[in-house]
Amino acid sequence: MNFKKTKKEIIKTIVKYGGDVKSLSEVLNKSELLEKKGIVVAFENNQSYLFFDKQKYNWEDKRPLGYLTEMVSLLKYLIQNRLITVLPLREQVSLVIGRKASRYSTLDTIETEDAIIKVDSRYDWIDKKTHDQTYWPESISESDLPLYEYLNCWFSVSQELKDMVKNGFRSEEQNRFKKQQRLTWISIFVAAAIGIASLVINIIKH
């Protein structure tokens, strides 16, 4: 499969942090991949509460939701092709993805280092400093987009996926072709060098 740039970035992140953490949600938090995209995800009652940075996106912008949908699609592909192996966790590892630290401040409110996140019927994002809504709020069910299922799970990375990243996402066939092509050019260069050397020697002799 030829992976587009966005998916390559996610795969590289999974491989890079795969040995340091136990869940995919921790991979995202440790790498700060979602922070860079201006995306935050909070989980509560089989629902994902999504928040998108107003400085990066307007209200109708579909890019952040598209990015999360693409991520879930990629994880499905990696699992189905045994490039990663997953095992559901009994406990929730991360209340929030897109922030390193999070905790419940009330039953329906999660606190991060920079915001108060409401996760009930009036879901919202309140900035701690300005008390403004600095992120657009969105809500989506787990049945529509299974973020919790694919991110809150233990995982291991296959050697095949590690090798794929190491080889610049080239297949074994592509690697063999590139190696053969390199050998062919070396042979051509050597043959040309020998031919030139022979010509020079003949000229000197005469």
N, C-alpha and C. Protein backbone atom coordinates (compact mmCIF):
# COMPACT_ATOMS: atom_id res chain seq x y z
N MET A 1 0.84 -1.20 0.00
CA MET A 1 0.00 0.00 0.00
C MET A 1 0.88 1.25 0.00
N ASN A 2 0.52 2.22 -0.84
CA ASN A 2 1.23 3.49 -0.86
C ASN A 2 0.55 4.44 0.13
N PHE A 3 1.27 4.82 1.17
CA PHE A 3 0.71 5.68 2.20
C PHE A 3 0.94 7.15 1.84
N LYS A 4 -0.09 7.96 2.02
CA LYS A 4 0.06 9.39 1.80
C LYS A 4 0.82 10.01 2.97
N LYS A 5 1.21 11.25 2.83
CA LYS A 5 2.08 11.93 3.80
C LYS A 5 1.51 11.88 5.22
N THR A 6 0.21 12.14 5.37
CA THR A 6 -0.42 12.16 6.70
C THR A 6 -0.30 10.81 7.39
N LYS A 7 -0.56 9.74 6.65
CA LYS A 7 -0.50 8.40 7.23
C LYS A 7 0.93 8.00 7.55
N LYS A 8 1.88 8.41 6.72
CA LYS A 8 3.28 8.12 7.01
C LYS A 8 3.69 8.77 8.32
N GLU A 9 3.23 9.98 8.54
CA GLU A 9 3.55 10.70 9.78
C GLU A 9 3.03 9.94 11.00
N ILE A 10 1.81 9.43 10.90
CA ILE A 10 1.21 8.68 12.02
C ILE A 10 1.97 7.38 12.25
N ILE A 11 2.29 6.66 11.18
CA ILE A 11 3.02 5.40 11.30
C ILE A 11 4.39 5.62 11.92
N LYS A 12 5.10 6.64 11.47
CA LYS A 12 6.42 6.95 12.04
C LYS A 12 6.31 7.21 13.54
N THR A 13 5.25 7.91 13.93
CA THR A 13 5.04 8.22 15.35
C THR A 13 4.78 6.95 16.15
N ILE A 14 3.97 6.05 15.61
CA ILE A 14 3.67 4.78 16.28
C ILE A 14 4.94 3.96 16.47
N VAL A 15 5.75 3.87 15.43
CA VAL A 15 6.99 3.09 15.50
C VAL A 15 7.99 3.74 16.46
N LYS A 16 8.10 5.06 16.41
CA LYS A 16 9.07 5.76 17.25
C LYS A 16 8.79 5.60 18.73
N TYR A 17 7.52 5.72 19.13
CA TYR A 17 7.18 5.69 20.55
C TYR A 17 6.63 4.34 21.01
N GLY A 18 6.57 3.39 20.08
CA GLY A 18 5.98 2.09 20.40
C GLY A 18 6.65 1.35 21.53
N GLY A 19 7.96 1.54 21.72
CA GLY A 19 8.66 0.82 22.78
C GLY A 19 8.61 1.52 24.11
N ASP A 20 8.12 2.77 24.14
CA ASP A 20 8.16 3.56 25.37
C ASP A 20 6.84 3.58 26.13
N VAL A 21 5.73 3.35 25.45
CA VAL A 21 4.41 3.46 26.07
C VAL A 21 3.59 2.21 25.76
N LYS A 22 2.47 2.07 26.46
CA LYS A 22 1.67 0.85 26.27
C LYS A 22 0.40 1.05 25.46
N SER A 23 -0.05 2.29 25.28
CA SER A 23 -1.30 2.49 24.54
C SER A 23 -1.09 3.48 23.40
N LEU A 24 -1.96 3.41 22.41
CA LEU A 24 -1.89 4.32 21.28
C LEU A 24 -2.22 5.75 21.69
N SER A 25 -3.09 5.91 22.69
CA SER A 25 -3.39 7.25 23.19
C SER A 25 -2.14 7.88 23.80
N GLU A 26 -1.33 7.09 24.48
CA GLU A 26 -0.09 7.60 25.06
C GLU A 26 0.92 7.96 23.98
N VAL A 27 0.91 7.21 22.87
CA VAL A 27 1.77 7.55 21.74
C VAL A 27 1.47 8.97 21.27
N LEU A 28 0.19 9.26 21.10
CA LEU A 28 -0.21 10.58 20.61
C LEU A 28 0.14 11.67 21.61
N ASN A 29 -0.06 11.38 22.91
CA ASN A 29 0.24 12.40 23.92
C ASN A 29 1.74 12.65 24.06
N LYS A 30 2.51 11.59 24.01
CA LYS A 30 3.96 11.74 24.16
C LYS A 30 4.56 12.45 22.95
N SER A 31 4.06 12.15 21.78
CA SER A 31 4.59 12.75 20.54
C SER A 31 4.07 14.16 20.31
N GLU A 32 2.96 14.51 21.00
CA GLU A 32 2.29 15.81 20.80
C GLU A 32 1.80 15.99 19.37
N LEU A 33 1.46 14.88 18.73
CA LEU A 33 1.02 14.93 17.34
C LEU A 33 -0.29 15.71 17.19
N LEU A 34 -1.25 15.47 18.10
CA LEU A 34 -2.53 16.17 18.00
C LEU A 34 -2.39 17.63 18.41
N GLU A 35 -1.51 17.93 19.38
CA GLU A 35 -1.29 19.32 19.76
C GLU A 35 -0.86 20.15 18.54
N LYS A 36 0.03 19.57 17.74
CA LYS A 36 0.53 20.28 16.55
C LYS A 36 -0.60 20.52 15.54
N LYS A 37 -1.58 19.63 15.54
CA LYS A 37 -2.72 19.77 14.62
C LYS A 37 -3.82 20.66 15.21
N GLY A 38 -3.69 21.02 16.49
CA GLY A 38 -4.72 21.82 17.13
C GLY A 38 -5.98 21.02 17.40
N ILE A 39 -5.79 19.73 17.76
CA ILE A 39 -6.92 18.83 18.00
C ILE A 39 -6.82 18.24 19.41
N VAL A 40 -7.95 18.20 20.11
CA VAL A 40 -8.02 17.57 21.43
C VAL A 40 -9.24 16.65 21.44
N VAL A 41 -9.07 15.47 22.03
CA VAL A 41 -10.17 14.50 22.13
C VAL A 41 -10.35 14.11 23.59
N ALA A 42 -11.58 14.19 24.08
CA ALA A 42 -11.91 13.74 25.43
C ALA A 42 -12.99 12.66 25.33
N PHE A 43 -12.93 11.67 26.24
CA PHE A 43 -13.88 10.56 26.21
C PHE A 43 -14.79 10.59 27.43
N GLU A 44 -16.08 10.27 27.19
CA GLU A 44 -17.02 10.17 28.30
C GLU A 44 -18.30 9.51 27.81
N ASN A 45 -18.73 8.45 28.52
CA ASN A 45 -20.03 7.80 28.25
C ASN A 45 -20.21 7.41 26.78
N ASN A 46 -19.23 6.67 26.26
CA ASN A 46 -19.30 6.16 24.89
C ASN A 46 -19.41 7.27 23.85
N GLN A 47 -18.86 8.41 24.20
CA GLN A 47 -18.91 9.58 23.33
C GLN A 47 -17.52 10.21 23.26
N SER A 48 -17.17 10.70 22.08
CA SER A 48 -15.92 11.44 21.93
C SER A 48 -16.26 12.93 21.81
N TYR A 49 -15.62 13.72 22.64
CA TYR A 49 -15.79 15.17 22.58
C TYR A 49 -14.54 15.74 21.92
N LEU A 50 -14.73 16.36 20.76
CA LEU A 50 -13.63 16.83 19.94
C LEU A 50 -13.54 18.36 20.05
N PHE A 51 -12.31 18.85 20.11
CA PHE A 51 -12.10 20.29 20.21
C PHE A 51 -11.00 20.69 19.22
N PHE A 52 -11.31 21.75 18.43
CA PHE A 52 -10.41 22.17 17.36
C PHE A 52 -10.01 23.63 17.57
N ASP A 53 -8.72 23.89 17.52
CA ASP A 53 -8.15 25.21 17.80
C ASP A 53 -8.72 26.26 16.84
N LYS A 54 -9.29 27.32 17.41
CA LYS A 54 -9.88 28.38 16.59
C LYS A 54 -8.83 29.15 15.78
N GLN A 55 -7.59 29.13 16.24
CA GLN A 55 -6.54 29.83 15.50
C GLN A 55 -6.12 29.07 14.25
N LYS A 56 -6.44 27.78 14.19
CA LYS A 56 -6.09 26.96 13.04
C LYS A 56 -7.26 26.67 12.12
N TYR A 57 -8.46 26.63 12.68
CA TYR A 57 -9.63 26.21 11.90
C TYR A 57 -10.80 27.16 12.10
N ASN A 58 -11.62 27.29 11.06
CA ASN A 58 -12.89 27.99 11.24
C ASN A 58 -13.97 26.98 11.61
N TRP A 59 -15.15 27.46 11.91
CA TRP A 59 -16.22 26.61 12.44
C TRP A 59 -16.60 25.47 11.49
N GLU A 60 -16.59 25.72 10.20
CA GLU A 60 -17.05 24.72 9.22
C GLU A 60 -15.91 23.89 8.65
N ASP A 61 -14.71 24.08 9.13
CA ASP A 61 -13.55 23.36 8.60
C ASP A 61 -13.66 21.86 8.89
N LYS A 62 -13.55 21.05 7.86
CA LYS A 62 -13.68 19.59 8.00
C LYS A 62 -12.33 18.89 8.16
N ARG A 63 -11.23 19.63 8.06
CA ARG A 63 -9.91 19.00 8.12
C ARG A 63 -9.62 18.25 9.42
N PRO A 64 -9.90 18.82 10.60
CA PRO A 64 -9.54 18.09 11.82
C PRO A 64 -10.33 16.79 12.00
N LEU A 65 -11.63 16.81 11.69
CA LEU A 65 -12.42 15.59 11.78
C LEU A 65 -11.96 14.60 10.72
N GLY A 66 -11.62 15.10 9.55
CA GLY A 66 -11.09 14.23 8.49
C GLY A 66 -9.79 13.58 8.91
N TYR A 67 -8.96 14.32 9.63
CA TYR A 67 -7.68 13.77 10.10
C TYR A 67 -7.92 12.62 11.07
N LEU A 68 -8.86 12.79 12.00
CA LEU A 68 -9.17 11.73 12.97
C LEU A 68 -9.78 10.52 12.27
N THR A 69 -10.64 10.76 11.30
CA THR A 69 -11.25 9.66 10.54
C THR A 69 -10.18 8.89 9.78
N GLU A 70 -9.24 9.61 9.20
CA GLU A 70 -8.14 8.99 8.46
C GLU A 70 -7.26 8.17 9.39
N MET A 71 -7.06 8.67 10.62
CA MET A 71 -6.26 7.95 11.60
C MET A 71 -6.90 6.62 11.97
N VAL A 72 -8.21 6.63 12.22
CA VAL A 72 -8.92 5.39 12.56
C VAL A 72 -8.86 4.41 11.39
N SER A 73 -9.05 4.91 10.18
CA SER A 73 -8.97 4.07 8.99
C SER A 73 -7.60 3.42 8.87
N LEU A 74 -6.55 4.19 9.13
CA LEU A 74 -5.18 3.66 9.07
C LEU A 74 -4.96 2.60 10.13
N LEU A 75 -5.42 2.84 11.34
CA LEU A 75 -5.24 1.86 12.42
C LEU A 75 -5.96 0.55 12.10
N LYS A 76 -7.15 0.65 11.52
CA LYS A 76 -7.88 -0.55 11.08
C LYS A 76 -7.04 -1.33 10.09
N TYR A 77 -6.46 -0.63 9.12
CA TYR A 77 -5.63 -1.28 8.10
C TYR A 77 -4.42 -1.96 8.73
N LEU A 78 -3.73 -1.27 9.62
CA LEU A 78 -2.53 -1.82 10.25
C LEU A 78 -2.86 -3.06 11.07
N ILE A 79 -4.00 -3.05 11.74
CA ILE A 79 -4.42 -4.20 12.56
C ILE A 79 -4.80 -5.38 11.67
N GLN A 80 -5.61 -5.10 10.65
CA GLN A 80 -6.07 -6.16 9.75
C GLN A 80 -4.91 -6.84 9.02
N ASN A 81 -3.84 -6.08 8.75
CA ASN A 81 -2.69 -6.63 8.05
C ASN A 81 -1.57 -7.04 9.01
N ARG A 82 -1.91 -7.09 10.30
CA ARG A 82 -1.00 -7.55 11.35
C ARG A 82 0.31 -6.78 11.40
N LEU A 83 0.23 -5.52 11.02
CA LEU A 83 1.40 -4.65 11.14
C LEU A 83 1.52 -4.11 12.55
N ILE A 84 0.38 -4.01 13.25
CA ILE A 84 0.38 -3.80 14.70
C ILE A 84 -0.61 -4.78 15.31
N THR A 85 -0.36 -5.16 16.55
CA THR A 85 -1.26 -6.05 17.29
C THR A 85 -1.80 -5.28 18.47
N VAL A 86 -3.10 -5.36 18.69
CA VAL A 86 -3.71 -4.59 19.78
C VAL A 86 -4.46 -5.51 20.74
N LEU A 87 -4.59 -5.03 21.97
CA LEU A 87 -5.32 -5.73 23.01
C LEU A 87 -6.06 -4.69 23.83
N PRO A 88 -7.40 -4.78 23.91
CA PRO A 88 -8.17 -3.77 24.67
C PRO A 88 -7.72 -3.70 26.13
N LEU A 89 -7.71 -2.49 26.66
CA LEU A 89 -7.35 -2.28 28.06
C LEU A 89 -8.61 -2.22 28.91
N ARG A 90 -8.52 -2.72 30.14
CA ARG A 90 -9.67 -2.69 31.03
C ARG A 90 -9.93 -1.30 31.59
N GLU A 91 -8.84 -0.55 31.80
CA GLU A 91 -9.00 0.79 32.35
C GLU A 91 -8.69 1.83 31.27
N GLN A 92 -9.25 3.02 31.46
CA GLN A 92 -8.99 4.10 30.51
C GLN A 92 -7.65 4.73 30.85
N VAL A 93 -6.74 4.74 29.89
CA VAL A 93 -5.40 5.26 30.14
C VAL A 93 -5.39 6.78 30.15
N SER A 94 -6.03 7.39 29.17
CA SER A 94 -5.99 8.85 29.03
C SER A 94 -7.40 9.40 28.95
N LEU A 95 -7.72 10.36 29.83
CA LEU A 95 -9.02 11.04 29.75
C LEU A 95 -9.06 11.92 28.51
N VAL A 96 -7.92 12.50 28.19
CA VAL A 96 -7.82 13.44 27.08
C VAL A 96 -6.63 13.08 26.21
N ILE A 97 -6.83 13.13 24.89
CA ILE A 97 -5.73 12.96 23.95
C ILE A 97 -5.49 14.32 23.29
N GLY A 98 -4.25 14.76 23.35
CA GLY A 98 -3.93 16.08 22.84
C GLY A 98 -3.45 17.00 23.95
N ARG A 99 -3.40 16.46 25.18
CA ARG A 99 -2.85 17.16 26.33
C ARG A 99 -2.15 16.13 27.21
N LYS A 100 -1.00 16.50 27.75
CA LYS A 100 -0.20 15.54 28.50
C LYS A 100 -0.83 15.16 29.84
N ALA A 101 -1.47 16.11 30.50
CA ALA A 101 -2.05 15.85 31.83
C ALA A 101 -3.54 16.19 31.83
N SER A 102 -4.33 15.34 32.45
CA SER A 102 -5.77 15.59 32.56
C SER A 102 -6.33 14.85 33.77
N ARG A 103 -7.38 15.43 34.36
CA ARG A 103 -8.01 14.79 35.52
C ARG A 103 -9.45 15.29 35.62
N TYR A 104 -10.30 14.51 36.29
CA TYR A 104 -11.66 14.96 36.55
C TYR A 104 -11.63 16.01 37.66
N SER A 105 -12.26 17.16 37.44
CA SER A 105 -12.43 18.14 38.51
C SER A 105 -13.82 18.03 39.10
N THR A 106 -14.80 17.62 38.27
CA THR A 106 -16.14 17.23 38.73
C THR A 106 -16.55 16.02 37.91
N LEU A 107 -17.76 15.51 38.13
CA LEU A 107 -18.21 14.32 37.42
C LEU A 107 -18.29 14.52 35.91
N ASP A 108 -18.58 15.74 35.49
CA ASP A 108 -18.74 16.00 34.06
C ASP A 108 -17.77 17.07 33.54
N THR A 109 -16.67 17.27 34.27
CA THR A 109 -15.70 18.27 33.87
C THR A 109 -14.28 17.72 33.99
N ILE A 110 -13.53 17.85 32.91
CA ILE A 110 -12.13 17.41 32.90
C ILE A 110 -11.23 18.64 32.85
N GLU A 111 -10.18 18.61 33.66
CA GLU A 111 -9.25 19.73 33.71
C GLU A 111 -7.92 19.33 33.09
N THR A 112 -7.41 20.18 32.19
CA THR A 112 -6.07 20.00 31.63
C THR A 112 -5.20 21.15 32.13
N GLU A 113 -3.96 21.20 31.66
CA GLU A 113 -3.07 22.27 32.13
C GLU A 113 -3.52 23.65 31.69
N ASP A 114 -4.32 23.73 30.60
CA ASP A 114 -4.68 25.04 30.08
C ASP A 114 -6.18 25.27 29.91
N ALA A 115 -7.02 24.26 30.24
CA ALA A 115 -8.44 24.42 29.96
C ALA A 115 -9.33 23.60 30.90
N ILE A 116 -10.57 24.01 30.95
CA ILE A 116 -11.63 23.24 31.60
C ILE A 116 -12.53 22.70 30.50
N ILE A 117 -12.67 21.38 30.46
CA ILE A 117 -13.45 20.74 29.39
C ILE A 117 -14.74 20.17 29.98
N LYS A 118 -15.86 20.65 29.48
CA LYS A 118 -17.16 20.12 29.90
C LYS A 118 -17.54 18.96 28.98
N VAL A 119 -17.90 17.82 29.58
CA VAL A 119 -18.22 16.62 28.80
C VAL A 119 -19.60 16.08 29.16
N ASP A 120 -20.60 16.93 29.02
CA ASP A 120 -21.98 16.49 29.19
C ASP A 120 -22.78 17.05 28.03
N SER A 121 -24.07 17.22 28.19
CA SER A 121 -24.89 17.72 27.09
C SER A 121 -24.52 19.14 26.68
N ARG A 122 -23.83 19.86 27.56
CA ARG A 122 -23.38 21.23 27.26
C ARG A 122 -21.86 21.24 27.08
N TYR A 123 -21.35 20.31 26.31
CA TYR A 123 -19.90 20.16 26.14
C TYR A 123 -19.27 21.46 25.63
N ASP A 124 -18.11 21.77 26.19
CA ASP A 124 -17.47 23.03 25.85
C ASP A 124 -16.01 23.01 26.29
N TRP A 125 -15.26 24.00 25.79
CA TRP A 125 -13.85 24.18 26.13
C TRP A 125 -13.67 25.60 26.64
N ILE A 126 -13.21 25.75 27.88
CA ILE A 126 -13.00 27.06 28.47
C ILE A 126 -11.52 27.24 28.80
N ASP A 127 -10.92 28.23 28.20
CA ASP A 127 -9.51 28.52 28.45
C ASP A 127 -9.33 29.03 29.88
N LYS A 128 -8.35 28.52 30.59
CA LYS A 128 -8.14 28.89 31.99
C LYS A 128 -7.72 30.35 32.16
N LYS A 129 -6.92 30.85 31.22
CA LYS A 129 -6.42 32.21 31.35
C LYS A 129 -7.45 33.26 30.94
N THR A 130 -8.03 33.05 29.77
CA THR A 130 -8.94 34.06 29.22
C THR A 130 -10.40 33.81 29.56
N HIS A 131 -10.71 32.57 29.97
CA HIS A 131 -12.10 32.14 30.24
C HIS A 131 -12.96 32.17 28.97
N ASP A 132 -12.29 32.17 27.81
CA ASP A 132 -13.00 32.16 26.54
C ASP A 132 -13.03 30.75 25.95
N GLN A 133 -13.91 30.56 24.98
CA GLN A 133 -13.97 29.29 24.24
C GLN A 133 -12.96 29.40 23.10
N THR A 134 -11.75 28.90 23.33
CA THR A 134 -10.68 29.05 22.34
C THR A 134 -10.60 27.86 21.38
N TYR A 135 -11.39 26.83 21.63
CA TYR A 135 -11.46 25.67 20.74
C TYR A 135 -12.92 25.43 20.36
N TRP A 136 -13.13 25.12 19.07
CA TRP A 136 -14.49 24.76 18.64
C TRP A 136 -14.88 23.41 19.22
N PRO A 137 -16.06 23.27 19.81
CA PRO A 137 -16.49 21.98 20.35
C PRO A 137 -17.27 21.16 19.33
N GLU A 138 -17.08 19.86 19.38
CA GLU A 138 -17.81 18.92 18.51
C GLU A 138 -18.00 17.63 19.29
N SER A 139 -19.06 16.92 19.00
CA SER A 139 -19.34 15.66 19.68
C SER A 139 -19.68 14.59 18.66
N ILE A 140 -19.14 13.38 18.87
CA ILE A 140 -19.41 12.28 17.94
C ILE A 140 -19.45 10.97 18.72
N SER A 141 -20.38 10.11 18.37
CA SER A 141 -20.53 8.85 19.11
C SER A 141 -19.47 7.84 18.72
N GLU A 142 -19.22 6.91 19.62
CA GLU A 142 -18.24 5.87 19.37
C GLU A 142 -18.66 4.99 18.19
N SER A 143 -19.96 4.82 17.99
CA SER A 143 -20.44 4.00 16.88
C SER A 143 -20.16 4.67 15.53
N ASP A 144 -20.14 6.00 15.50
CA ASP A 144 -19.86 6.72 14.26
C ASP A 144 -18.37 6.82 13.98
N LEU A 145 -17.59 6.99 15.04
CA LEU A 145 -16.13 7.09 14.89
C LEU A 145 -15.49 6.47 16.13
N PRO A 146 -15.06 5.20 16.04
CA PRO A 146 -14.57 4.46 17.22
C PRO A 146 -13.17 4.86 17.68
N LEU A 147 -13.04 6.10 18.11
CA LEU A 147 -11.74 6.59 18.58
C LEU A 147 -11.28 5.87 19.84
N TYR A 148 -12.20 5.71 20.78
CA TYR A 148 -11.85 5.06 22.05
C TYR A 148 -11.38 3.62 21.81
N GLU A 149 -12.10 2.92 20.96
CA GLU A 149 -11.76 1.51 20.67
C GLU A 149 -10.35 1.37 20.12
N TYR A 150 -9.96 2.28 19.22
CA TYR A 150 -8.67 2.12 18.55
C TYR A 150 -7.52 2.83 19.26
N LEU A 151 -7.84 3.76 20.15
CA LEU A 151 -6.76 4.49 20.80
C LEU A 151 -6.51 4.05 22.24
N ASN A 152 -7.53 3.58 22.92
CA ASN A 152 -7.35 3.14 24.30
C ASN A 152 -7.09 1.63 24.32
N CYS A 153 -5.96 1.23 23.77
CA CYS A 153 -5.64 -0.19 23.72
C CYS A 153 -4.13 -0.38 23.78
N TRP A 154 -3.72 -1.50 24.37
CA TRP A 154 -2.31 -1.88 24.38
C TRP A 154 -1.95 -2.32 22.97
N PHE A 155 -0.71 -2.10 22.57
CA PHE A 155 -0.34 -2.47 21.21
C PHE A 155 1.14 -2.86 21.13
N SER A 156 1.47 -3.60 20.10
CA SER A 156 2.87 -3.88 19.77
C SER A 156 3.05 -3.70 18.27
N VAL A 157 4.25 -3.30 17.89
CA VAL A 157 4.56 -3.00 16.50
C VAL A 157 5.31 -4.18 15.89
N SER A 158 4.90 -4.60 14.71
CA SER A 158 5.56 -5.71 14.02
C SER A 158 6.92 -5.28 13.48
N GLN A 159 7.80 -6.25 13.30
CA GLN A 159 9.10 -5.96 12.71
C GLN A 159 8.94 -5.48 11.27
N GLU A 160 7.92 -5.99 10.60
CA GLU A 160 7.66 -5.60 9.21
C GLU A 160 7.39 -4.09 9.12
N LEU A 161 6.59 -3.58 10.07
CA LEU A 161 6.28 -2.15 10.05
C LEU A 161 7.53 -1.32 10.39
N LYS A 162 8.32 -1.81 11.34
CA LYS A 162 9.57 -1.11 11.68
C LYS A 162 10.49 -1.05 10.46
N ASP A 163 10.58 -2.17 9.75
CA ASP A 163 11.44 -2.23 8.56
C ASP A 163 10.90 -1.31 7.46
N MET A 164 9.58 -1.24 7.36
CA MET A 164 8.95 -0.40 6.35
C MET A 164 9.34 1.06 6.58
N VAL A 165 9.28 1.51 7.83
CA VAL A 165 9.66 2.89 8.15
C VAL A 165 11.14 3.10 7.91
N LYS A 166 11.94 2.12 8.34
CA LYS A 166 13.40 2.20 8.16
C LYS A 166 13.78 2.32 6.69
N ASN A 167 13.03 1.62 5.83
CA ASN A 167 13.32 1.61 4.40
C ASN A 167 12.58 2.69 3.62
N GLY A 168 12.05 3.68 4.33
CA GLY A 168 11.38 4.77 3.64
C GLY A 168 10.07 4.38 2.99
N PHE A 169 9.37 3.40 3.58
CA PHE A 169 8.06 2.92 3.12
C PHE A 169 8.13 2.25 1.75
N ARG A 170 9.29 1.74 1.42
CA ARG A 170 9.42 0.96 0.18
C ARG A 170 9.18 -0.51 0.48
N SER A 171 8.53 -1.21 -0.44
CA SER A 171 8.27 -2.64 -0.29
C SER A 171 9.56 -3.42 -0.54
N GLU A 172 9.55 -4.71 -0.22
CA GLU A 172 10.71 -5.56 -0.48
C GLU A 172 11.03 -5.59 -1.98
N GLU A 173 9.98 -5.63 -2.79
CA GLU A 173 10.17 -5.64 -4.25
C GLU A 173 10.81 -4.35 -4.72
N GLN A 174 10.36 -3.22 -4.15
CA GLN A 174 10.94 -1.93 -4.51
C GLN A 174 12.40 -1.85 -4.07
N ASN A 175 12.69 -2.40 -2.89
CA ASN A 175 14.06 -2.40 -2.39
C ASN A 175 14.97 -3.24 -3.29
N ARG A 176 14.45 -4.41 -3.71
CA ARG A 176 15.24 -5.27 -4.60
C ARG A 176 15.49 -4.58 -5.94
N PHE A 177 14.46 -3.92 -6.46
CA PHE A 177 14.60 -3.21 -7.73
C PHE A 177 15.63 -2.09 -7.62
N LYS A 178 15.57 -1.33 -6.49
CA LYS A 178 16.51 -0.23 -6.29
C LYS A 178 17.94 -0.76 -6.18
N LYS A 179 18.09 -1.91 -5.46
CA LYS A 179 19.41 -2.51 -5.32
C LYS A 179 19.94 -2.98 -6.66
N GLN A 180 19.05 -3.64 -7.44
CA GLN A 180 19.45 -4.13 -8.76
C GLN A 180 19.80 -2.98 -9.69
N GLN A 181 19.03 -1.91 -9.59
CA GLN A 181 19.29 -0.72 -10.41
C GLN A 181 20.65 -0.12 -10.06
N ARG A 182 20.96 -0.09 -8.77
CA ARG A 182 22.25 0.45 -8.33
C ARG A 182 23.40 -0.41 -8.84
N LEU A 183 23.21 -1.73 -8.76
CA LEU A 183 24.23 -2.65 -9.25
C LEU A 183 24.43 -2.51 -10.76
N THR A 184 23.31 -2.30 -11.47
CA THR A 184 23.39 -2.12 -12.92
C THR A 184 24.20 -0.88 -13.27
N TRP A 185 23.93 0.23 -12.57
CA TRP A 185 24.68 1.46 -12.83
C TRP A 185 26.16 1.30 -12.48
N ILE A 186 26.44 0.56 -11.42
CA ILE A 186 27.84 0.31 -11.04
C ILE A 186 28.54 -0.49 -12.14
N SER A 187 27.82 -1.51 -12.66
CA SER A 187 28.39 -2.34 -13.74
C SER A 187 28.67 -1.50 -14.98
N ILE A 188 27.72 -0.62 -15.32
CA ILE A 188 27.90 0.25 -16.49
C ILE A 188 29.11 1.17 -16.28
N PHE A 189 29.21 1.73 -15.08
CA PHE A 189 30.32 2.63 -14.77
C PHE A 189 31.66 1.91 -14.85
N VAL A 190 31.71 0.70 -14.28
CA VAL A 190 32.95 -0.09 -14.30
C VAL A 190 33.33 -0.45 -15.73
N ALA A 191 32.34 -0.89 -16.53
CA ALA A 191 32.61 -1.26 -17.93
C ALA A 191 33.12 -0.05 -18.72
N ALA A 192 32.50 1.12 -18.47
CA ALA A 192 32.94 2.33 -19.16
C ALA A 192 34.35 2.72 -18.75
N ALA A 193 34.62 2.58 -17.44
CA ALA A 193 35.95 2.93 -16.92
C ALA A 193 37.02 2.02 -17.53
N ILE A 194 36.69 0.72 -17.63
CA ILE A 194 37.64 -0.24 -18.23
C ILE A 194 37.87 0.09 -19.70
N GLY A 195 36.78 0.43 -20.41
CA GLY A 195 36.88 0.77 -21.82
C GLY A 195 37.75 2.00 -22.04
N ILE A 196 37.54 3.03 -21.21
CA ILE A 196 38.34 4.25 -21.33
C ILE A 196 39.80 3.97 -21.00
N ALA A 197 40.01 3.18 -19.93
CA ALA A 197 41.38 2.83 -19.53
C ALA A 197 42.10 2.08 -20.66
N SER A 198 41.38 1.14 -21.31
CA SER A 198 41.98 0.37 -22.42
C SER A 198 42.34 1.29 -23.58
N LEU A 199 41.44 2.24 -23.88
CA LEU A 199 41.69 3.18 -24.97
C LEU A 199 42.91 4.05 -24.68
N VAL A 200 43.01 4.51 -23.44
CA VAL A 200 44.15 5.35 -23.05
C VAL A 200 45.45 4.56 -23.17
N ILE A 201 45.43 3.30 -22.70
CA ILE A 201 46.62 2.45 -22.78
C ILE A 201 47.05 2.24 -24.22
N ASN A 202 46.08 1.98 -25.12
CA ASN A 202 46.39 1.77 -26.54
C ASN A 202 47.00 3.03 -27.17
N ILE A 203 46.48 4.19 -26.79
CA ILE A 203 47.00 5.47 -27.32
C ILE A 203 48.43 5.66 -26.85
N ILE A 204 48.68 5.36 -25.56
CA ILE A 204 50.04 5.52 -25.01
C ILE A 204 51.01 4.60 -25.72
N LYS A 205 50.58 3.37 -25.98
CA LYS A 205 51.47 2.36 -26.64
C LYS A 205 51.85 2.82 -28.05
N HIS A 206 50.92 3.49 -28.70
CA HIS A 206 51.20 3.92 -30.08
C HIS A 206 51.82 5.32 -30.09
